[in-house]
Amino acid sequence: MFDFQKDFRFIAPVKVLVPTLDGQQEKTFTAEFRLVPKDEMEKAVKGKGADESLIAMRLALVGWKDDLTQKGAPWPFTPDRRDELLSVPYCLGAVSMAYWRQVQGVLVEKN
């Protein structure tokens, strides 16, 4: 049975590939997203060009769990911290991939 809900939130793992001196290191955290309706997303990003992904993720990313830290200490979610995180290109890409993977119905296997 499928129970349609237009307005809901969900959590998803975010895999961040952090650049290092000898390649990349994979780190993960758990994000909380809001499903942004298609019409709202299109209106927000229309004509914004390269900023579309950033604008979309500002709408969608509404929280994260305690597994996102800064200097080893918990880094609780705030809108300013969300924007700081999304200002880092590899973080923006990772958050965007996690969101779209979930909302487009791509099967995510559990470990």
Protein backbone atom coordinates (compact mmCIF):
# COMPACT_ATOMS: atom_id res chain seq x y z
CA MET A 1 0.00 0.00 0.00
CA PHE A 2 1.23 3.50 -0.84
CA ASP A 3 0.02 6.31 1.43
CA PHE A 4 0.66 9.55 -0.47
CA GLN A 5 1.98 12.46 1.59
CA LYS A 6 2.93 15.68 -0.16
CA ASP A 7 4.53 17.34 2.85
CA PHE A 8 6.94 15.21 4.82
CA ARG A 9 10.46 15.00 6.19
CA PHE A 10 12.95 12.18 5.94
CA ILE A 11 16.48 11.35 7.01
CA ALA A 12 19.24 10.14 4.74
CA PRO A 13 22.95 9.39 5.03
CA VAL A 14 25.24 11.91 3.37
CA LYS A 15 28.58 10.61 2.11
CA VAL A 16 31.08 13.45 1.89
CA LEU A 17 34.29 12.89 -0.04
CA VAL A 18 36.74 15.18 1.75
CA PRO A 19 39.80 16.14 -0.29
CA THR A 20 43.13 15.21 1.30
CA LEU A 21 46.76 15.62 0.26
CA ASP A 22 46.75 12.09 -1.16
CA GLY A 23 43.21 11.76 -2.54
CA GLN A 24 39.90 11.73 -0.71
CA GLN A 25 38.54 10.46 2.56
CA GLU A 26 34.89 9.42 2.87
CA LYS A 27 33.04 10.81 5.87
CA THR A 28 29.34 10.48 6.59
CA PHE A 29 26.63 12.26 8.53
CA THR A 30 22.87 11.93 8.79
CA ALA A 31 20.80 14.75 7.29
CA GLU A 32 17.16 15.63 7.80
CA PHE A 33 15.41 16.81 4.67
CA ARG A 34 12.06 18.32 3.84
CA LEU A 35 10.50 17.15 0.61
CA VAL A 36 10.25 20.32 -1.44
CA PRO A 37 7.28 20.21 -3.84
CA LYS A 38 8.23 20.49 -7.51
CA ASP A 39 6.43 23.80 -8.05
CA GLU A 40 8.09 25.38 -5.01
CA MET A 41 11.52 24.15 -6.11
CA GLU A 42 11.07 25.41 -9.67
CA LYS A 43 9.87 28.84 -8.52
CA ALA A 44 12.81 29.21 -6.11
CA VAL A 45 15.54 28.27 -8.59
CA LYS A 46 14.08 29.71 -11.81
CA GLY A 47 16.65 31.87 -13.57
CA LYS A 48 19.27 31.50 -10.84
CA GLY A 49 21.78 29.62 -12.99
CA ALA A 50 24.76 28.19 -11.14
CA ASP A 51 23.14 28.83 -7.75
CA GLU A 52 20.27 26.37 -8.39
CA SER A 53 21.76 23.54 -6.36
CA LEU A 54 22.59 25.82 -3.45
CA ILE A 55 19.10 27.36 -3.44
CA ALA A 56 17.48 23.94 -3.66
CA MET A 57 19.47 22.53 -0.76
CA ARG A 58 18.77 25.59 1.40
CA LEU A 59 15.10 24.71 0.98
CA ALA A 60 15.52 20.98 1.51
CA LEU A 61 18.14 20.61 4.29
CA VAL A 62 16.32 21.25 7.57
CA GLY A 63 18.54 19.50 10.10
CA TRP A 64 21.15 16.91 10.89
CA LYS A 65 21.97 14.44 13.62
CA ASP A 66 24.81 14.63 16.16
CA ASP A 67 27.14 12.80 13.78
CA LEU A 68 27.95 16.12 12.11
CA THR A 69 30.61 17.76 14.24
CA GLN A 70 33.08 20.61 14.08
CA LYS A 71 36.52 20.05 15.61
CA GLY A 72 35.17 16.90 17.25
CA ALA A 73 32.33 18.65 19.09
CA PRO A 74 28.62 18.52 18.25
CA TRP A 75 27.61 21.14 15.72
CA PRO A 76 23.86 21.65 16.16
CA PHE A 77 21.85 22.71 13.14
CA THR A 78 21.04 26.37 12.56
CA PRO A 79 20.21 28.11 9.27
CA ASP A 80 23.57 29.93 9.42
CA ARG A 81 25.45 26.65 9.93
CA ARG A 82 23.47 25.06 7.10
CA ASP A 83 24.60 27.90 4.82
CA GLU A 84 28.19 27.55 6.04
CA LEU A 85 28.15 23.82 5.28
CA LEU A 86 26.58 24.34 1.85
CA SER A 87 29.17 26.99 0.96
CA VAL A 88 31.79 24.23 0.71
CA PRO A 89 31.52 22.74 -2.80
CA TYR A 90 32.16 19.10 -1.86
CA CYS A 91 29.62 19.36 0.98
CA LEU A 92 26.99 20.94 -1.27
CA GLY A 93 27.50 18.18 -3.82
CA ALA A 94 27.21 15.44 -1.19
CA VAL A 95 24.05 16.90 0.36
CA SER A 96 22.48 17.38 -3.05
CA MET A 97 23.28 13.81 -4.10
CA ALA A 98 21.80 12.42 -0.88
CA TYR A 99 18.58 14.42 -1.29
CA TRP A 100 17.99 13.66 -4.95
CA ARG A 101 18.85 10.01 -4.52
CA GLN A 102 16.08 9.67 -1.95
CA VAL A 103 13.37 11.72 -3.67
CA GLN A 104 13.89 10.20 -7.10
CA GLY A 105 13.26 6.72 -5.75
CA VAL A 106 16.73 5.26 -6.16
CA LEU A 107 17.06 2.12 -4.07
CA VAL A 108 19.49 2.61 -1.21
CA GLU A 109 20.69 -0.65 0.28
CA LYS A 110 21.06 -0.86 4.04
CA ASN A 111 24.25 -2.26 5.55
